[in-house]
PDB file of N, CA and C in Angstrom:
ATOM      1  N   MET A   1       0.992  -1.303  -0.365  1.00  0.00           N
ATOM      2  CA  MET A   1      -0.028  -0.270   0.257  1.00  0.00           C
ATOM      3  C   MET A   1       1.087   1.646   0.281  1.00  0.00           C
ATOM      4  N   PHE A   2       2.033   0.986   1.253  1.00  0.00           N
ATOM      5  CA  PHE A   2       2.776   2.827   0.671  1.00  0.00           C
ATOM      6  C   PHE A   2       3.218   2.738  -0.287  1.00  0.00           C
ATOM      7  N   ASN A   3       4.058   1.663  -1.236  1.00  0.00           N
ATOM      8  CA  ASN A   3       4.807   1.821  -2.489  1.00  0.00           C
ATOM      9  C   ASN A   3       3.934   2.261  -3.201  1.00  0.00           C
ATOM     10  N   ILE A   4       2.190   2.127  -3.384  1.00  0.00           N
ATOM     11  CA  ILE A   4       1.431   2.641  -4.500  1.00  0.00           C
ATOM     12  C   ILE A   4       0.855   4.215  -3.984  1.00  0.00           C
ATOM     13  N   LEU A   5       0.768   4.441  -2.565  1.00  0.00           N
ATOM     14  CA  LEU A   5       0.834   5.412  -2.406  1.00  0.00           C
ATOM     15  C   LEU A   5       1.815   6.281  -2.721  1.00  0.00           C
ATOM     16  N   ALA A   6       2.957   6.172  -2.031  1.00  0.00           N
ATOM     17  CA  ALA A   6       4.630   7.149  -2.393  1.00  0.00           C
ATOM     18  C   ALA A   6       4.483   7.207  -4.123  1.00  0.00           C
ATOM     19  N   VAL A   7       4.246   6.419  -4.215  1.00  0.00           N
ATOM     20  CA  VAL A   7       5.124   6.241  -5.779  1.00  0.00           C
ATOM     21  C   VAL A   7       3.672   7.634  -6.601  1.00  0.00           C
ATOM     22  N   VAL A   8       2.117   7.281  -6.384  1.00  0.00           N
ATOM     23  CA  VAL A   8       1.634   7.802  -6.939  1.00  0.00           C
ATOM     24  C   VAL A   8       1.449   9.230  -6.210  1.00  0.00           C
ATOM     25  N   GLY A   9       1.754   9.432  -5.139  1.00  0.00           N
ATOM     26  CA  GLY A   9       1.874  10.424  -5.027  1.00  0.00           C
ATOM     27  C   GLY A   9       2.580  11.419  -5.285  1.00  0.00           C
ATOM     28  N   ILE A  10       3.963  10.836  -5.192  1.00  0.00           N
ATOM     29  CA  ILE A  10       5.197  11.932  -5.863  1.00  0.00           C
ATOM     30  C   ILE A  10       5.025  11.956  -7.355  1.00  0.00           C
ATOM     31  N   ALA A  11       5.113  10.765  -8.342  1.00  0.00           N
ATOM     32  CA  ALA A  11       4.130  11.362  -9.379  1.00  0.00           C
ATOM     33  C   ALA A  11       2.959  12.430  -9.522  1.00  0.00           C
ATOM     34  N   GLY A  12       1.900  12.213  -9.216  1.00  0.00           N
ATOM     35  CA  GLY A  12       1.444  13.359  -9.088  1.00  0.00           C
ATOM     36  C   GLY A  12       1.959  14.718  -8.303  1.00  0.00           C
ATOM     37  N   MET A  13       2.217  14.937  -7.800  1.00  0.00           N
ATOM     38  CA  MET A  13       3.312  16.450  -7.354  1.00  0.00           C
ATOM     39  C   MET A  13       4.158  16.487  -8.569  1.00  0.00           C
ATOM     40  N   ILE A  14       5.201  15.820  -9.023  1.00  0.00           N
ATOM     41  CA  ILE A  14       5.640  16.154 -10.425  1.00  0.00           C
ATOM     42  C   ILE A  14       4.961  16.900 -11.236  1.00  0.00           C
ATOM     43  N   SER A  15       3.826  15.738 -11.703  1.00  0.00           N
ATOM     44  CA  SER A  15       3.347  16.237 -12.858  1.00  0.00           C
ATOM     45  C   SER A  15       1.748  15.974 -13.006  1.00  0.00           C
ATOM     46  N   PRO A  16       1.061  16.621 -12.584  1.00  0.00           N
ATOM     47  CA  PRO A  16      -0.441  15.384 -12.664  1.00  0.00           C
ATOM     48  C   PRO A  16      -0.403  14.560 -13.813  1.00  0.00           C
ATOM     49  N   ILE A  17      -2.090  13.864 -13.047  1.00  0.00           N
ATOM     50  CA  ILE A  17      -2.065  12.684 -13.822  1.00  0.00           C
ATOM     51  C   ILE A  17      -3.839  13.084 -14.168  1.00  0.00           C
ATOM     52  N   ALA A  18      -3.935  12.899 -14.910  1.00  0.00           N
ATOM     53  CA  ALA A  18      -5.034  13.147 -16.652  1.00  0.00           C
ATOM     54  C   ALA A  18      -6.123  12.191 -16.379  1.00  0.00           C
ATOM     55  N   ASN A  19      -7.457  11.890 -16.186  1.00  0.00           N
ATOM     56  CA  ASN A  19      -7.539  10.865 -17.224  1.00  0.00           C
ATOM     57  C   ASN A  19      -6.903   9.411 -17.034  1.00  0.00           C
ATOM     58  N   VAL A  20      -7.183   8.935 -15.619  1.00  0.00           N
ATOM     59  CA  VAL A  20      -7.603   7.776 -15.457  1.00  0.00           C
ATOM     60  C   VAL A  20      -8.664   6.821 -14.967  1.00  0.00           C
ATOM     61  N   PRO A  21      -8.477   5.996 -15.833  1.00  0.00           N
ATOM     62  CA  PRO A  21      -9.908   5.243 -16.447  1.00  0.00           C
ATOM     63  C   PRO A  21      -9.856   4.642 -14.686  1.00  0.00           C
ATOM     64  N   GLU A  22     -11.958   4.753 -14.356  1.00  0.00           N
ATOM     65  CA  GLU A  22     -12.070   4.270 -13.449  1.00  0.00           C
ATOM     66  C   GLU A  22     -11.898   2.613 -13.174  1.00  0.00           C
ATOM     67  N   ALA A  23     -11.646   1.622 -13.892  1.00  0.00           N
ATOM     68  CA  ALA A  23     -11.588   0.618 -13.984  1.00  0.00           C
ATOM     69  C   ALA A  23     -10.284   0.240 -13.506  1.00  0.00           C
ATOM     70  N   VAL A  24      -8.928   1.326 -14.004  1.00  0.00           N
ATOM     71  CA  VAL A  24      -7.698   1.326 -13.306  1.00  0.00           C
ATOM     72  C   VAL A  24      -7.755   1.062 -11.751  1.00  0.00           C
ATOM     73  N   LEU A  25      -8.436   2.011 -11.617  1.00  0.00           N
ATOM     74  CA  LEU A  25      -8.166   2.666  -9.693  1.00  0.00           C
ATOM     75  C   LEU A  25      -8.871   1.557  -8.819  1.00  0.00           C
ATOM     76  N   SER A  26     -10.459   1.123  -9.269  1.00  0.00           N
ATOM     77  CA  SER A  26     -11.132   0.131  -8.564  1.00  0.00           C
ATOM     78  C   SER A  26     -10.348  -1.179  -8.544  1.00  0.00           C
ATOM     79  N   ARG A  27      -9.660  -1.458  -9.677  1.00  0.00           N
ATOM     80  CA  ARG A  27      -9.254  -2.632  -9.739  1.00  0.00           C
ATOM     81  C   ARG A  27      -8.193  -2.972  -9.168  1.00  0.00           C
ATOM     82  N   ASP A  28      -6.947  -1.983  -9.164  1.00  0.00           N
ATOM     83  CA  ASP A  28      -6.045  -2.094  -8.564  1.00  0.00           C
ATOM     84  C   ASP A  28      -5.690  -1.719  -7.072  1.00  0.00           C
ATOM     85  N   TRP A  29      -6.944  -1.498  -6.663  1.00  0.00           N
ATOM     86  CA  TRP A  29      -6.369  -0.342  -4.934  1.00  0.00           C
ATOM     87  C   TRP A  29      -7.606  -2.280  -4.450  1.00  0.00           C
ATOM     88  N   LEU A  30      -8.909  -2.750  -5.319  1.00  0.00           N
ATOM     89  CA  LEU A  30      -8.867  -3.970  -4.076  1.00  0.00           C
ATOM     90  C   LEU A  30      -8.322  -4.844  -4.671  1.00  0.00           C
ATOM     91  N   VAL A  31      -7.548  -5.472  -5.538  1.00  0.00           N
ATOM     92  CA  VAL A  31      -6.522  -6.650  -5.014  1.00  0.00           C
ATOM     93  C   VAL A  31      -5.517  -5.711  -4.842  1.00  0.00           C
ATOM     94  N   MET A  32      -4.796  -4.994  -4.528  1.00  0.00           N
ATOM     95  CA  MET A  32      -3.644  -4.604  -3.200  1.00  0.00           C
ATOM     96  C   MET A  32      -4.042  -4.223  -2.019  1.00  0.00           C
ATOM     97  N   MET A  33      -5.362  -4.362  -2.192  1.00  0.00           N
ATOM     98  CA  MET A  33      -5.982  -4.492  -0.053  1.00  0.00           C
ATOM     99  C   MET A  33      -5.927  -5.996  -0.207  1.00  0.00           C
ATOM    100  N   ALA A  34      -6.525  -6.627  -0.553  1.00  0.00           N
ATOM    101  CA  ALA A  34      -6.713  -7.998  -0.467  1.00  0.00           C
ATOM    102  C   ALA A  34      -5.776  -8.482  -0.409  1.00  0.00           C
ATOM    103  N   MET A  35      -4.622  -8.293  -0.641  1.00  0.00           N
ATOM    104  CA  MET A  35      -3.235  -8.550  -1.071  1.00  0.00           C
ATOM    105  C   MET A  35      -2.723  -8.634   0.014  1.00  0.00           C
ATOM    106  N   THR A  36      -3.059  -7.288   0.516  1.00  0.00           N
ATOM    107  CA  THR A  36      -1.930  -6.580   1.849  1.00  0.00           C
ATOM    108  C   THR A  36      -2.775  -7.141   3.122  1.00  0.00           C
ATOM    109  N   VAL A  37      -4.620  -7.424   3.185  1.00  0.00           N
ATOM    110  CA  VAL A  37      -4.651  -8.027   4.185  1.00  0.00           C
ATOM    111  C   VAL A  37      -4.415  -9.731   4.217  1.00  0.00           C
ATOM    112  N   ALA A  38      -4.042  -9.657   3.103  1.00  0.00           N
ATOM    113  CA  ALA A  38      -3.740 -11.713   3.065  1.00  0.00           C
ATOM    114  C   ALA A  38      -2.640 -11.781   4.032  1.00  0.00           C
ATOM    115  N   LEU A  39      -1.528 -11.055   3.809  1.00  0.00           N
ATOM    116  CA  LEU A  39      -0.423 -10.469   4.380  1.00  0.00           C
ATOM    117  C   LEU A  39      -0.038 -10.515   5.912  1.00  0.00           C
ATOM    118  N   PHE A  40      -1.157  -9.782   6.141  1.00  0.00           N
ATOM    119  CA  PHE A  40      -1.450  -9.641   7.454  1.00  0.00           C
ATOM    120  C   PHE A  40      -1.899 -10.748   7.932  1.00  0.00           C
ATOM    121  N   PHE A  41      -3.040 -11.399   7.905  1.00  0.00           N
ATOM    122  CA  PHE A  41      -3.145 -12.219   8.377  1.00  0.00           C
ATOM    123  C   PHE A  41      -2.088 -13.592   8.201  1.00  0.00           C
ATOM    124  N   MET A  42      -1.076 -13.959   7.552  1.00  0.00           N
ATOM    125  CA  MET A  42      -0.189 -15.061   7.594  1.00  0.00           C
ATOM    126  C   MET A  42       0.673 -14.533   8.172  1.00  0.00           C
ATOM    127  N   ALA A  43       1.408 -12.989   8.418  1.00  0.00           N
ATOM    128  CA  ALA A  43       2.225 -12.229   9.186  1.00  0.00           C
ATOM    129  C   ALA A  43       2.036 -12.593  10.461  1.00  0.00           C
ATOM    130  N   TYR A  44       0.738 -11.977  10.717  1.00  0.00           N
ATOM    131  CA  TYR A  44       0.643 -11.796  12.543  1.00  0.00           C
ATOM    132  C   TYR A  44       0.799 -13.342  12.646  1.00  0.00           C
ATOM    133  N   GLY A  45       0.496 -14.678  12.323  1.00  0.00           N
ATOM    134  CA  GLY A  45       0.707 -15.736  12.569  1.00  0.00           C
ATOM    135  C   GLY A  45      -0.070 -16.358  13.355  1.00  0.00           C
ATOM    136  N   PHE A  46      -1.209 -15.367  14.192  1.00  0.00           N
ATOM    137  CA  PHE A  46      -1.914 -16.169  15.338  1.00  0.00           C
ATOM    138  C   PHE A  46      -1.522 -17.170  15.548  1.00  0.00           C
ATOM    139  N   GLY A  47      -0.510 -17.266  16.449  1.00  0.00           N
ATOM    140  CA  GLY A  47      -0.275 -18.609  17.389  1.00  0.00           C
ATOM    141  C   GLY A  47       0.873 -18.522  16.739  1.00  0.00           C
ATOM    142  N   ARG A  48       2.211 -19.112  15.602  1.00  0.00           N
ATOM    143  CA  ARG A  48       2.772 -19.132  14.835  1.00  0.00           C
ATOM    144  C   ARG A  48       4.036 -18.414  15.840  1.00  0.00           C
ATOM    145  N   GLN A  49       4.496 -17.217  15.652  1.00  0.00           N
ATOM    146  CA  GLN A  49       5.193 -16.287  15.677  1.00  0.00           C
ATOM    147  C   GLN A  49       5.325 -15.561  14.949  1.00  0.00           C
ATOM    148  N   GLY A  50       4.400 -15.077  14.593  1.00  0.00           N
ATOM    149  CA  GLY A  50       4.222 -14.321  12.823  1.00  0.00           C
ATOM    150  C   GLY A  50       5.106 -14.467  12.150  1.00  0.00           C
ATOM    151  N   ARG A  51       5.676 -16.112  11.942  1.00  0.00           N
ATOM    152  CA  ARG A  51       6.672 -16.559  10.511  1.00  0.00           C
ATOM    153  C   ARG A  51       5.232 -16.590   9.157  1.00  0.00           C
ATOM    154  N   ILE A  52       6.152 -16.799   7.991  1.00  0.00           N
ATOM    155  CA  ILE A  52       5.058 -17.014   7.087  1.00  0.00           C
ATOM    156  C   ILE A  52       6.073 -18.605   6.221  1.00  0.00           C
ATOM    157  N   ASN A  53       4.973 -19.128   6.435  1.00  0.00           N
ATOM    158  CA  ASN A  53       5.251 -20.786   6.242  1.00  0.00           C
ATOM    159  C   ASN A  53       5.915 -20.652   4.268  1.00  0.00           C
ATOM    160  N   ARG A  54       6.293 -22.285   3.824  1.00  0.00           N
ATOM    161  CA  ARG A  54       6.663 -21.570   2.484  1.00  0.00           C
ATOM    162  C   ARG A  54       4.997 -21.645   1.695  1.00  0.00           C
ATOM    163  N   PHE A  55       4.801 -22.884   2.436  1.00  0.00           N
ATOM    164  CA  PHE A  55       2.754 -22.640   1.632  1.00  0.00           C
ATOM    165  C   PHE A  55       2.462 -21.497   1.213  1.00  0.00           C
ATOM    166  N   GLU A  56       2.412 -20.528   2.472  1.00  0.00           N
ATOM    167  CA  GLU A  56       2.111 -18.758   1.986  1.00  0.00           C
ATOM    168  C   GLU A  56       2.839 -18.285   1.525  1.00  0.00           C
ATOM    169  N   GLY A  57       3.860 -18.669   1.308  1.00  0.00           N
ATOM    170  CA  GLY A  57       4.668 -17.172   0.442  1.00  0.00           C
ATOM    171  C   GLY A  57       4.232 -17.998  -0.769  1.00  0.00           C
ATOM    172  N   ALA A  58       4.326 -19.357  -1.085  1.00  0.00           N
ATOM    173  CA  ALA A  58       4.052 -19.129  -2.558  1.00  0.00           C
ATOM    174  C   ALA A  58       2.960 -18.938  -3.060  1.00  0.00           C
ATOM    175  N   MET A  59       1.588 -19.176  -2.283  1.00  0.00           N
ATOM    176  CA  MET A  59       0.237 -18.668  -2.513  1.00  0.00           C
ATOM    177  C   MET A  59       0.660 -16.764  -2.619  1.00  0.00           C
ATOM    178  N   LEU A  60       1.421 -15.984  -2.060  1.00  0.00           N
ATOM    179  CA  LEU A  60       1.611 -14.455  -2.499  1.00  0.00           C
ATOM    180  C   LEU A  60       2.381 -14.807  -3.518  1.00  0.00           C
ATOM    181  N   LEU A  61       2.981 -15.523  -4.059  1.00  0.00           N
ATOM    182  CA  LEU A  61       3.273 -15.775  -4.758  1.00  0.00           C
ATOM    183  C   LEU A  61       2.660 -15.758  -6.235  1.00  0.00           C
ATOM    184  N   THR A  62       2.588 -16.856  -6.225  1.00  0.00           N
ATOM    185  CA  THR A  62       0.928 -17.425  -7.103  1.00  0.00           C
ATOM    186  C   THR A  62       0.164 -15.847  -6.981  1.00  0.00           C
ATOM    187  N   GLY A  63      -0.319 -15.164  -6.398  1.00  0.00           N
ATOM    188  CA  GLY A  63      -1.508 -14.477  -6.449  1.00  0.00           C
ATOM    189  C   GLY A  63      -1.114 -13.096  -6.617  1.00  0.00           C
ATOM    190  N   TYR A  64       0.441 -12.946  -6.835  1.00  0.00           N
ATOM    191  CA  TYR A  64       1.274 -11.880  -7.899  1.00  0.00           C
ATOM    192  C   TYR A  64       1.257 -12.115  -9.064  1.00  0.00           C
ATOM    193  N   ALA A  65       1.317 -12.925  -8.914  1.00  0.00           N
ATOM    194  CA  ALA A  65       2.043 -13.414 -10.314  1.00  0.00           C
ATOM    195  C   ALA A  65       0.476 -13.693 -11.626  1.00  0.00           C
ATOM    196  N   ALA A  66      -0.398 -14.104 -11.219  1.00  0.00           N
ATOM    197  CA  ALA A  66      -1.793 -14.618 -11.030  1.00  0.00           C
ATOM    198  C   ALA A  66      -2.272 -12.822 -11.322  1.00  0.00           C
ATOM    199  N   TYR A  67      -1.874 -12.259 -11.092  1.00  0.00           N
ATOM    200  CA  TYR A  67      -1.985 -10.335 -10.890  1.00  0.00           C
ATOM    201  C   TYR A  67      -1.798  -9.741 -11.577  1.00  0.00           C
ATOM    202  N   ASN A  68      -0.578  -9.987 -11.948  1.00  0.00           N
ATOM    203  CA  ASN A  68       0.670  -9.685 -13.040  1.00  0.00           C
ATOM    204  C   ASN A  68      -0.118  -9.789 -14.394  1.00  0.00           C
ATOM    205  N   ILE A  69      -0.190 -11.369 -14.629  1.00  0.00           N
ATOM    206  CA  ILE A  69      -0.805 -12.186 -15.524  1.00  0.00           C
ATOM    207  C   ILE A  69      -2.374 -11.476 -16.481  1.00  0.00           C
ATOM    208  N   TRP A  70      -2.824 -10.975 -15.542  1.00  0.00           N
ATOM    209  CA  TRP A  70      -4.500 -10.764 -15.708  1.00  0.00           C
ATOM    210  C   TRP A  70      -4.350  -9.153 -15.991  1.00  0.00           C
ATOM    211  N   LEU A  71      -3.291  -8.291 -15.531  1.00  0.00           N
ATOM    212  CA  LEU A  71      -2.932  -7.029 -16.935  1.00  0.00           C
ATOM    213  C   LEU A  71      -2.616  -7.132 -17.806  1.00  0.00           C
ATOM    214  N   VAL A  72      -1.740  -7.966 -17.544  1.00  0.00           N
ATOM    215  CA  VAL A  72      -1.363  -8.130 -19.194  1.00  0.00           C
ATOM    216  C   VAL A  72      -2.040  -8.793 -19.737  1.00  0.00           C
ATOM    217  N   VAL A  73      -3.174  -9.371 -20.788  1.00  0.00           N
ATOM    218  CA  VAL A  73      -3.472 -10.181 -20.787  1.00  0.00           C
ATOM    219  C   VAL A  73      -5.057  -8.854 -21.311  1.00  0.00           C
ATOM    220  N   SER A  74      -5.372  -8.968 -20.073  1.00  0.00           N
ATOM    221  CA  SER A  74      -5.984  -7.476 -19.720  1.00  0.00           C
ATOM    222  C   SER A  74      -5.909  -6.336 -20.867  1.00  0.00           C
ATOM    223  N   VAL A  75      -4.792  -5.674 -21.214  1.00  0.00           N
ATOM    224  CA  VAL A  75      -4.613  -4.914 -21.514  1.00  0.00           C
ATOM    225  C   VAL A  75      -4.093  -5.031 -22.934  1.00  0.00           C
ATOM    226  N   THR A  76      -3.534  -5.917 -23.368  1.00  0.00           N
ATOM    227  CA  THR A  76      -3.777  -7.190 -24.313  1.00  0.00           C
ATOM    228  C   THR A  76      -4.890  -7.468 -25.196  1.00  0.00           C
ATOM    229  N   ALA A  77      -5.787  -7.597 -24.897  1.00  0.00           N
ATOM    230  CA  ALA A  77      -6.735  -7.970 -24.784  1.00  0.00           C
ATOM    231  C   ALA A  77      -7.933  -6.491 -25.826  1.00  0.00           C
TER     232      ALA A  77
END
């Protein structure tokens, strides 16, 4: 979340961003919030001392790869 907000905020301060499609904002915001919440629950641990195991790491990495593939496919379609 910080990376998205900082990069977009700094870029907007340098040169205002105009005409961003609504679909881009709603899609990216929803996916990033879902991934952040998933990371929070995995990292908090709930009795496992806050460690992310290999399965959870693979789930996060797979989600990231799927999101990037979805973006590429939606842009080229």
